[in-house]
Amino acid sequence: MILPDVLKPGLVLVFCGTAVSRVSQARGYPYANPGNAFWPTLKKLGVFPAEFDPAQFPRMVEHGIGYTDLNKTEVGIDSDLSADAFDVVAFARKMKRHKPRLIAFTSKHAGATYFGDRRIGFGLQPQRIGDSEVHVLPSPSGLARSHWNLAPWQALEQRYRTLRG
């Protein structure tokens, strides 16, 4: 089973990855691999309280946060995924319908796939999706640790706090 989207109108922030990993599928929540920095980083930055249980990820909405992936039909690491299974049109439709204030791609690959530009940089992007600001973050995956940089995550956290109030 592919993990369900966590979306509703009016969210402050929606995280978007490429696809669910095999570990996440088995454990039933996104970014579940023990080497993945997603949940530890968001807890360290205070976006989620330390006691937040990632297995209860649908409760992200209580913090004004949602989740989805560009590929909702396959499971695995990026190199296992089919290029034609990334549905950027469906993703854009979801974002325009739900209108989050911020969208954060959780890897350069996800951002580059959406925008069709491999030269995309990290951080706030000049392009928007509907009225939503778009950020591209370094992948929290343990497989991408050599490219890890906390600064774009910190900038996103500050923007999230400003908009959440």
N, C-alpha and C. Protein backbone atom coordinates (compact mmCIF):
# COMPACT_ATOMS: atom_id res chain seq x y z
N MET A 1 0.84 -1.19 0.00
CA MET A 1 0.00 0.00 0.00
C MET A 1 0.88 1.25 0.00
N ILE A 2 0.55 2.20 -0.84
CA ILE A 2 1.20 3.50 -0.85
C ILE A 2 0.59 4.32 0.30
N LEU A 3 1.39 5.10 0.97
CA LEU A 3 0.87 5.90 2.08
C LEU A 3 -0.08 6.98 1.57
N PRO A 4 -1.12 7.26 2.34
CA PRO A 4 -2.07 8.28 1.91
C PRO A 4 -1.50 9.69 2.05
N ASP A 5 -2.02 10.58 1.22
CA ASP A 5 -1.70 11.99 1.38
C ASP A 5 -2.26 12.48 2.71
N VAL A 6 -1.61 13.48 3.26
CA VAL A 6 -2.14 14.20 4.42
C VAL A 6 -2.31 15.64 3.93
N LEU A 7 -3.52 15.92 3.45
CA LEU A 7 -3.81 17.23 2.86
C LEU A 7 -5.19 17.69 3.29
N LYS A 8 -5.30 18.99 3.44
CA LYS A 8 -6.59 19.64 3.65
C LYS A 8 -6.39 21.10 3.31
N PRO A 9 -7.45 21.80 2.98
CA PRO A 9 -7.30 23.23 2.66
C PRO A 9 -6.77 24.03 3.84
N GLY A 10 -5.95 25.02 3.52
CA GLY A 10 -5.50 25.97 4.52
C GLY A 10 -4.27 25.58 5.31
N LEU A 11 -3.56 24.53 4.93
CA LEU A 11 -2.34 24.17 5.65
C LEU A 11 -1.28 25.25 5.45
N VAL A 12 -0.42 25.38 6.42
CA VAL A 12 0.70 26.32 6.29
C VAL A 12 1.76 25.73 5.38
N LEU A 13 2.06 24.44 5.54
CA LEU A 13 3.19 23.81 4.87
C LEU A 13 2.83 22.40 4.42
N VAL A 14 3.23 22.06 3.20
CA VAL A 14 3.11 20.68 2.71
C VAL A 14 4.49 20.22 2.28
N PHE A 15 4.91 19.07 2.83
CA PHE A 15 6.16 18.44 2.41
C PHE A 15 5.84 17.48 1.26
N CYS A 16 6.70 17.50 0.24
CA CYS A 16 6.53 16.61 -0.90
C CYS A 16 7.84 15.90 -1.21
N GLY A 17 7.79 14.57 -1.17
CA GLY A 17 8.94 13.77 -1.54
C GLY A 17 8.78 13.19 -2.93
N THR A 18 9.67 12.28 -3.28
CA THR A 18 9.56 11.62 -4.57
C THR A 18 8.59 10.44 -4.48
N ALA A 19 8.85 9.51 -3.57
CA ALA A 19 7.99 8.34 -3.37
C ALA A 19 8.30 7.72 -2.01
N VAL A 20 7.43 6.87 -1.57
CA VAL A 20 7.59 6.17 -0.30
C VAL A 20 8.70 5.13 -0.43
N SER A 21 9.57 5.08 0.56
CA SER A 21 10.62 4.04 0.56
C SER A 21 10.02 2.70 1.01
N ARG A 22 10.75 1.64 0.78
CA ARG A 22 10.29 0.31 1.21
C ARG A 22 10.17 0.24 2.74
N VAL A 23 11.10 0.88 3.44
CA VAL A 23 11.04 0.90 4.90
C VAL A 23 9.80 1.66 5.36
N SER A 24 9.53 2.80 4.75
CA SER A 24 8.35 3.58 5.12
C SER A 24 7.07 2.81 4.84
N GLN A 25 7.02 2.14 3.71
CA GLN A 25 5.85 1.34 3.39
C GLN A 25 5.64 0.25 4.45
N ALA A 26 6.71 -0.43 4.82
CA ALA A 26 6.62 -1.50 5.81
C ALA A 26 6.22 -0.97 7.19
N ARG A 27 6.73 0.19 7.57
CA ARG A 27 6.44 0.74 8.90
C ARG A 27 5.16 1.56 8.93
N GLY A 28 4.67 1.96 7.76
CA GLY A 28 3.39 2.65 7.69
C GLY A 28 3.43 4.15 7.87
N TYR A 29 4.60 4.76 7.75
CA TYR A 29 4.68 6.22 7.83
C TYR A 29 5.87 6.71 7.00
N PRO A 30 5.79 7.95 6.51
CA PRO A 30 6.85 8.46 5.64
C PRO A 30 8.14 8.77 6.41
N TYR A 31 9.26 8.69 5.68
CA TYR A 31 10.58 9.03 6.23
C TYR A 31 10.92 8.15 7.44
N ALA A 32 10.55 6.88 7.37
CA ALA A 32 10.65 5.96 8.51
C ALA A 32 12.01 5.29 8.67
N ASN A 33 12.86 5.35 7.67
CA ASN A 33 14.16 4.70 7.79
C ASN A 33 14.93 5.31 8.95
N PRO A 34 15.53 4.51 9.82
CA PRO A 34 16.26 5.06 10.97
C PRO A 34 17.36 6.05 10.59
N GLY A 35 17.91 5.95 9.39
CA GLY A 35 18.95 6.87 8.94
C GLY A 35 18.42 8.15 8.33
N ASN A 36 17.09 8.28 8.22
CA ASN A 36 16.49 9.46 7.62
C ASN A 36 16.39 10.57 8.66
N ALA A 37 16.80 11.77 8.29
CA ALA A 37 16.85 12.90 9.22
C ALA A 37 15.56 13.73 9.25
N PHE A 38 14.53 13.35 8.50
CA PHE A 38 13.31 14.16 8.42
C PHE A 38 12.70 14.43 9.80
N TRP A 39 12.28 13.40 10.49
CA TRP A 39 11.62 13.59 11.78
C TRP A 39 12.56 14.16 12.84
N PRO A 40 13.79 13.64 12.96
CA PRO A 40 14.70 14.24 13.96
C PRO A 40 14.97 15.72 13.71
N THR A 41 15.09 16.11 12.44
CA THR A 41 15.35 17.51 12.13
C THR A 41 14.17 18.38 12.51
N LEU A 42 12.97 17.96 12.14
CA LEU A 42 11.79 18.77 12.45
C LEU A 42 11.51 18.84 13.95
N LYS A 43 11.89 17.80 14.67
CA LYS A 43 11.76 17.86 16.13
C LYS A 43 12.84 18.77 16.73
N LYS A 44 14.05 18.65 16.21
CA LYS A 44 15.15 19.50 16.70
C LYS A 44 14.84 20.98 16.47
N LEU A 45 14.22 21.30 15.34
CA LEU A 45 13.89 22.68 15.02
C LEU A 45 12.61 23.15 15.73
N GLY A 46 11.93 22.24 16.42
CA GLY A 46 10.72 22.61 17.17
C GLY A 46 9.47 22.68 16.33
N VAL A 47 9.51 22.19 15.09
CA VAL A 47 8.31 22.17 14.25
C VAL A 47 7.31 21.17 14.83
N PHE A 48 7.82 20.02 15.25
CA PHE A 48 7.01 19.02 15.95
C PHE A 48 7.59 18.87 17.35
N PRO A 49 6.75 18.65 18.35
CA PRO A 49 7.28 18.43 19.70
C PRO A 49 8.03 17.09 19.76
N ALA A 50 8.94 16.98 20.69
CA ALA A 50 9.76 15.77 20.83
C ALA A 50 8.91 14.52 20.96
N GLU A 51 7.75 14.63 21.57
CA GLU A 51 6.91 13.45 21.80
C GLU A 51 6.04 13.09 20.59
N PHE A 52 6.10 13.88 19.51
CA PHE A 52 5.29 13.56 18.32
C PHE A 52 5.71 12.20 17.77
N ASP A 53 4.74 11.33 17.56
CA ASP A 53 4.99 9.98 17.06
C ASP A 53 4.80 9.97 15.54
N PRO A 54 5.88 9.80 14.76
CA PRO A 54 5.76 9.80 13.31
C PRO A 54 4.78 8.75 12.77
N ALA A 55 4.57 7.67 13.52
CA ALA A 55 3.60 6.66 13.09
C ALA A 55 2.19 7.25 13.05
N GLN A 56 1.99 8.36 13.75
CA GLN A 56 0.71 9.07 13.74
C GLN A 56 0.76 10.25 12.75
N PHE A 57 1.47 10.06 11.64
CA PHE A 57 1.73 11.16 10.71
C PHE A 57 0.48 11.88 10.21
N PRO A 58 -0.71 11.25 10.13
CA PRO A 58 -1.88 12.04 9.73
C PRO A 58 -2.18 13.20 10.68
N ARG A 59 -1.64 13.13 11.90
CA ARG A 59 -1.85 14.21 12.87
C ARG A 59 -0.95 15.42 12.60
N MET A 60 -0.15 15.34 11.53
CA MET A 60 0.65 16.50 11.12
C MET A 60 -0.24 17.73 10.93
N VAL A 61 -1.46 17.49 10.47
CA VAL A 61 -2.37 18.61 10.19
C VAL A 61 -2.65 19.45 11.43
N GLU A 62 -2.51 18.85 12.61
CA GLU A 62 -2.71 19.60 13.85
C GLU A 62 -1.65 20.69 14.02
N HIS A 63 -0.57 20.58 13.28
CA HIS A 63 0.52 21.55 13.30
C HIS A 63 0.51 22.40 12.02
N GLY A 64 -0.56 22.28 11.23
CA GLY A 64 -0.67 23.04 9.99
C GLY A 64 0.19 22.49 8.87
N ILE A 65 0.55 21.19 8.95
CA ILE A 65 1.49 20.59 8.01
C ILE A 65 0.85 19.39 7.31
N GLY A 66 1.17 19.24 6.02
CA GLY A 66 0.70 18.11 5.23
C GLY A 66 1.84 17.38 4.57
N TYR A 67 1.48 16.32 3.85
CA TYR A 67 2.48 15.44 3.22
C TYR A 67 1.90 14.81 1.96
N THR A 68 2.75 14.67 0.94
CA THR A 68 2.44 13.91 -0.26
C THR A 68 3.75 13.54 -0.96
N ASP A 69 3.63 12.83 -2.07
CA ASP A 69 4.78 12.48 -2.91
C ASP A 69 4.41 12.71 -4.37
N LEU A 70 5.40 12.91 -5.21
CA LEU A 70 5.16 13.07 -6.64
C LEU A 70 4.80 11.75 -7.30
N ASN A 71 5.31 10.66 -6.80
CA ASN A 71 5.04 9.33 -7.35
C ASN A 71 4.17 8.60 -6.33
N LYS A 72 2.92 8.42 -6.66
CA LYS A 72 1.97 7.76 -5.75
C LYS A 72 1.67 6.32 -6.17
N THR A 73 2.47 5.77 -7.09
CA THR A 73 2.18 4.42 -7.58
C THR A 73 3.32 3.43 -7.35
N GLU A 74 4.51 3.91 -7.01
CA GLU A 74 5.66 3.02 -6.83
C GLU A 74 6.30 3.24 -5.46
N VAL A 75 7.07 2.26 -5.04
CA VAL A 75 7.77 2.28 -3.76
C VAL A 75 9.25 2.03 -4.02
N GLY A 76 10.12 2.78 -3.33
CA GLY A 76 11.55 2.52 -3.44
C GLY A 76 12.38 3.78 -3.44
N ILE A 77 13.68 3.60 -3.58
CA ILE A 77 14.59 4.74 -3.67
C ILE A 77 14.50 5.32 -5.08
N ASP A 78 14.96 6.54 -5.23
CA ASP A 78 14.80 7.25 -6.50
C ASP A 78 15.28 6.45 -7.70
N SER A 79 16.40 5.76 -7.57
CA SER A 79 16.94 5.01 -8.71
C SER A 79 16.05 3.82 -9.11
N ASP A 80 15.13 3.42 -8.24
CA ASP A 80 14.20 2.32 -8.54
C ASP A 80 12.93 2.79 -9.24
N LEU A 81 12.70 4.09 -9.28
CA LEU A 81 11.42 4.62 -9.74
C LEU A 81 11.40 4.91 -11.23
N SER A 82 10.24 4.77 -11.84
CA SER A 82 10.05 5.06 -13.26
C SER A 82 9.79 6.55 -13.44
N ALA A 83 10.49 7.15 -14.36
CA ALA A 83 10.33 8.59 -14.61
C ALA A 83 8.89 8.94 -14.96
N ASP A 84 8.21 8.06 -15.69
CA ASP A 84 6.84 8.37 -16.11
C ASP A 84 5.81 8.18 -15.00
N ALA A 85 6.22 7.69 -13.84
CA ALA A 85 5.29 7.52 -12.71
C ALA A 85 5.21 8.76 -11.83
N PHE A 86 6.05 9.76 -12.10
CA PHE A 86 5.98 11.02 -11.36
C PHE A 86 4.86 11.85 -11.98
N ASP A 87 3.84 12.16 -11.19
CA ASP A 87 2.68 12.87 -11.73
C ASP A 87 2.67 14.32 -11.24
N VAL A 88 3.43 15.16 -11.92
CA VAL A 88 3.54 16.56 -11.52
C VAL A 88 2.23 17.31 -11.76
N VAL A 89 1.46 16.89 -12.76
CA VAL A 89 0.18 17.55 -13.03
C VAL A 89 -0.79 17.30 -11.88
N ALA A 90 -0.88 16.06 -11.42
CA ALA A 90 -1.77 15.75 -10.29
C ALA A 90 -1.32 16.47 -9.03
N PHE A 91 0.00 16.51 -8.81
CA PHE A 91 0.52 17.23 -7.64
C PHE A 91 0.13 18.70 -7.69
N ALA A 92 0.35 19.35 -8.84
CA ALA A 92 0.02 20.77 -8.97
C ALA A 92 -1.47 21.00 -8.74
N ARG A 93 -2.30 20.11 -9.26
CA ARG A 93 -3.75 20.23 -9.05
C ARG A 93 -4.09 20.16 -7.56
N LYS A 94 -3.46 19.20 -6.84
CA LYS A 94 -3.70 19.07 -5.39
C LYS A 94 -3.30 20.34 -4.66
N MET A 95 -2.14 20.89 -5.02
CA MET A 95 -1.66 22.08 -4.32
C MET A 95 -2.54 23.29 -4.63
N LYS A 96 -2.99 23.41 -5.85
CA LYS A 96 -3.87 24.55 -6.21
C LYS A 96 -5.23 24.40 -5.55
N ARG A 97 -5.68 23.18 -5.33
CA ARG A 97 -6.96 22.95 -4.66
C ARG A 97 -6.84 23.20 -3.15
N HIS A 98 -5.76 22.73 -2.52
CA HIS A 98 -5.62 22.83 -1.06
C HIS A 98 -4.97 24.13 -0.60
N LYS A 99 -4.23 24.79 -1.49
CA LYS A 99 -3.66 26.11 -1.24
C LYS A 99 -2.82 26.24 0.03
N PRO A 100 -1.81 25.38 0.21
CA PRO A 100 -0.92 25.61 1.36
C PRO A 100 -0.14 26.89 1.15
N ARG A 101 0.30 27.50 2.21
CA ARG A 101 1.09 28.73 2.09
C ARG A 101 2.50 28.42 1.62
N LEU A 102 3.03 27.25 2.04
CA LEU A 102 4.38 26.83 1.69
C LEU A 102 4.34 25.40 1.16
N ILE A 103 5.18 25.12 0.18
CA ILE A 103 5.41 23.77 -0.31
C ILE A 103 6.91 23.53 -0.21
N ALA A 104 7.29 22.39 0.37
CA ALA A 104 8.71 22.07 0.49
C ALA A 104 8.99 20.71 -0.13
N PHE A 105 9.76 20.71 -1.21
CA PHE A 105 10.22 19.45 -1.79
C PHE A 105 11.36 18.94 -0.92
N THR A 106 11.28 17.70 -0.50
CA THR A 106 12.26 17.16 0.45
C THR A 106 13.49 16.57 -0.23
N SER A 107 13.73 16.96 -1.46
CA SER A 107 14.98 16.62 -2.14
C SER A 107 15.11 17.46 -3.39
N LYS A 108 16.33 17.62 -3.81
CA LYS A 108 16.60 18.33 -5.06
C LYS A 108 15.96 17.57 -6.23
N HIS A 109 16.00 16.24 -6.16
CA HIS A 109 15.40 15.42 -7.22
C HIS A 109 13.91 15.71 -7.35
N ALA A 110 13.20 15.80 -6.24
CA ALA A 110 11.76 16.09 -6.29
C ALA A 110 11.52 17.47 -6.89
N GLY A 111 12.26 18.48 -6.44
CA GLY A 111 12.10 19.83 -6.98
C GLY A 111 12.45 19.90 -8.46
N ALA A 112 13.55 19.26 -8.84
CA ALA A 112 13.98 19.26 -10.24
C ALA A 112 12.97 18.53 -11.11
N THR A 113 12.38 17.45 -10.60
CA THR A 113 11.37 16.71 -11.36
C THR A 113 10.14 17.59 -11.57
N TYR A 114 9.70 18.26 -10.53
CA TYR A 114 8.51 19.11 -10.67
C TYR A 114 8.77 20.25 -11.67
N PHE A 115 9.87 20.95 -11.50
CA PHE A 115 10.14 22.12 -12.33
C PHE A 115 10.81 21.78 -13.67
N GLY A 116 11.25 20.55 -13.84
CA GLY A 116 11.89 20.15 -15.09
C GLY A 116 13.23 20.82 -15.29
N ASP A 117 13.94 21.07 -14.18
CA ASP A 117 15.22 21.77 -14.25
C ASP A 117 16.20 21.16 -13.25
N ARG A 118 17.17 20.43 -13.73
CA ARG A 118 18.15 19.77 -12.86
C ARG A 118 19.09 20.77 -12.18
N ARG A 119 19.12 22.01 -12.64
CA ARG A 119 20.02 23.02 -12.06
C ARG A 119 19.40 23.74 -10.86
N ILE A 120 18.24 23.30 -10.45
CA ILE A 120 17.54 23.96 -9.34
C ILE A 120 18.42 23.98 -8.09
N GLY A 121 18.33 25.05 -7.33
CA GLY A 121 19.11 25.17 -6.10
C GLY A 121 18.26 24.91 -4.87
N PHE A 122 18.89 24.91 -3.72
CA PHE A 122 18.18 24.73 -2.46
C PHE A 122 17.61 26.06 -1.99
N GLY A 123 16.59 25.97 -1.16
CA GLY A 123 15.99 27.16 -0.56
C GLY A 123 14.74 27.62 -1.28
N LEU A 124 14.37 28.87 -1.00
CA LEU A 124 13.19 29.49 -1.60
C LEU A 124 13.39 29.62 -3.11
N GLN A 125 12.36 29.23 -3.86
CA GLN A 125 12.43 29.28 -5.31
C GLN A 125 11.70 30.51 -5.84
N PRO A 126 12.13 31.04 -6.99
CA PRO A 126 11.42 32.19 -7.56
C PRO A 126 10.04 31.82 -8.10
N GLN A 127 9.85 30.55 -8.46
CA GLN A 127 8.57 30.10 -8.97
C GLN A 127 7.62 29.76 -7.83
N ARG A 128 6.34 29.90 -8.10
CA ARG A 128 5.30 29.50 -7.14
C ARG A 128 4.46 28.41 -7.78
N ILE A 129 3.72 27.72 -6.94
CA ILE A 129 2.71 26.78 -7.41
C ILE A 129 1.39 27.37 -6.93
N GLY A 130 0.62 27.92 -7.85
CA GLY A 130 -0.55 28.69 -7.46
C GLY A 130 -0.07 29.88 -6.65
N ASP A 131 -0.60 30.04 -5.45
CA ASP A 131 -0.17 31.13 -4.57
C ASP A 131 0.86 30.67 -3.53
N SER A 132 1.29 29.42 -3.61
CA SER A 132 2.18 28.83 -2.60
C SER A 132 3.64 29.14 -2.88
N GLU A 133 4.37 29.56 -1.84
CA GLU A 133 5.83 29.66 -1.91
C GLU A 133 6.39 28.26 -2.01
N VAL A 134 7.49 28.12 -2.74
CA VAL A 134 8.10 26.80 -2.92
C VAL A 134 9.54 26.83 -2.41
N HIS A 135 9.89 25.82 -1.62
CA HIS A 135 11.23 25.64 -1.11
C HIS A 135 11.73 24.27 -1.55
N VAL A 136 13.03 24.17 -1.81
CA VAL A 136 13.67 22.88 -2.11
C VAL A 136 14.68 22.64 -1.00
N LEU A 137 14.58 21.46 -0.38
CA LEU A 137 15.42 21.10 0.75
C LEU A 137 16.41 20.01 0.38
N PRO A 138 17.57 19.98 1.03
CA PRO A 138 18.46 18.83 0.87
C PRO A 138 17.75 17.58 1.38
N SER A 139 17.92 16.49 0.69
CA SER A 139 17.26 15.25 1.08
C SER A 139 17.68 14.82 2.49
N PRO A 140 16.69 14.43 3.32
CA PRO A 140 17.03 13.93 4.65
C PRO A 140 17.44 12.46 4.64
N SER A 141 17.38 11.82 3.48
CA SER A 141 17.71 10.40 3.38
C SER A 141 19.16 10.14 3.78
N GLY A 142 19.38 9.05 4.47
CA GLY A 142 20.74 8.65 4.81
C GLY A 142 21.59 8.41 3.58
N LEU A 143 20.96 8.06 2.46
CA LEU A 143 21.68 7.84 1.21
C LEU A 143 22.24 9.14 0.63
N ALA A 144 21.70 10.27 1.07
CA ALA A 144 22.12 11.57 0.55
C ALA A 144 22.90 12.37 1.59
N ARG A 145 23.40 11.72 2.61
CA ARG A 145 24.05 12.42 3.74
C ARG A 145 25.19 13.33 3.30
N SER A 146 25.90 12.98 2.23
CA SER A 146 27.02 13.82 1.78
C SER A 146 26.54 15.17 1.26
N HIS A 147 25.25 15.31 0.96
CA HIS A 147 24.69 16.58 0.47
C HIS A 147 23.88 17.30 1.55
N TRP A 148 23.91 16.77 2.77
CA TRP A 148 23.07 17.33 3.85
C TRP A 148 23.53 18.73 4.23
N ASN A 149 22.57 19.60 4.41
CA ASN A 149 22.81 20.97 4.85
C ASN A 149 21.58 21.40 5.63
N LEU A 150 21.73 21.73 6.88
CA LEU A 150 20.62 22.11 7.73
C LEU A 150 20.05 23.49 7.41
N ALA A 151 20.86 24.38 6.83
CA ALA A 151 20.45 25.77 6.64
C ALA A 151 19.13 25.94 5.88
N PRO A 152 18.88 25.26 4.76
CA PRO A 152 17.58 25.43 4.10
C PRO A 152 16.41 24.95 4.95
N TRP A 153 16.62 23.93 5.77
CA TRP A 153 15.59 23.46 6.68
C TRP A 153 15.30 24.52 7.75
N GLN A 154 16.36 25.17 8.25
CA GLN A 154 16.18 26.22 9.25
C GLN A 154 15.44 27.41 8.66
N ALA A 155 15.77 27.79 7.44
CA ALA A 155 15.08 28.91 6.78
C ALA A 155 13.60 28.59 6.58
N LEU A 156 13.31 27.36 6.19
CA LEU A 156 11.91 26.95 6.03
C LEU A 156 11.19 26.98 7.37
N GLU A 157 11.85 26.50 8.41
CA GLU A 157 11.24 26.50 9.75
C GLU A 157 10.89 27.92 10.18
N GLN A 158 11.77 28.88 9.92
CA GLN A 158 11.50 30.26 10.30
C GLN A 158 10.33 30.84 9.51
N ARG A 159 10.27 30.52 8.22
CA ARG A 159 9.16 30.99 7.39
C ARG A 159 7.85 30.35 7.86
N TYR A 160 7.88 29.07 8.17
CA TYR A 160 6.71 28.36 8.70
C TYR A 160 6.20 29.04 9.97
N ARG A 161 7.12 29.35 10.89
CA ARG A 161 6.71 29.99 12.15
C ARG A 161 6.10 31.37 11.92
N THR A 162 6.68 32.11 10.99
CA THR A 162 6.15 33.44 10.67
C THR A 162 4.71 33.33 10.15
N LEU A 163 4.48 32.39 9.25
CA LEU A 163 3.16 32.25 8.65
C LEU A 163 2.15 31.58 9.58
N ARG A 164 2.63 30.72 10.46
CA ARG A 164 1.72 30.03 11.39
C ARG A 164 1.26 30.97 12.50
N GLY A 165 2.13 31.90 12.86
CA GLY A 165 1.78 32.88 13.87
C GLY A 165 1.88 32.43 15.28
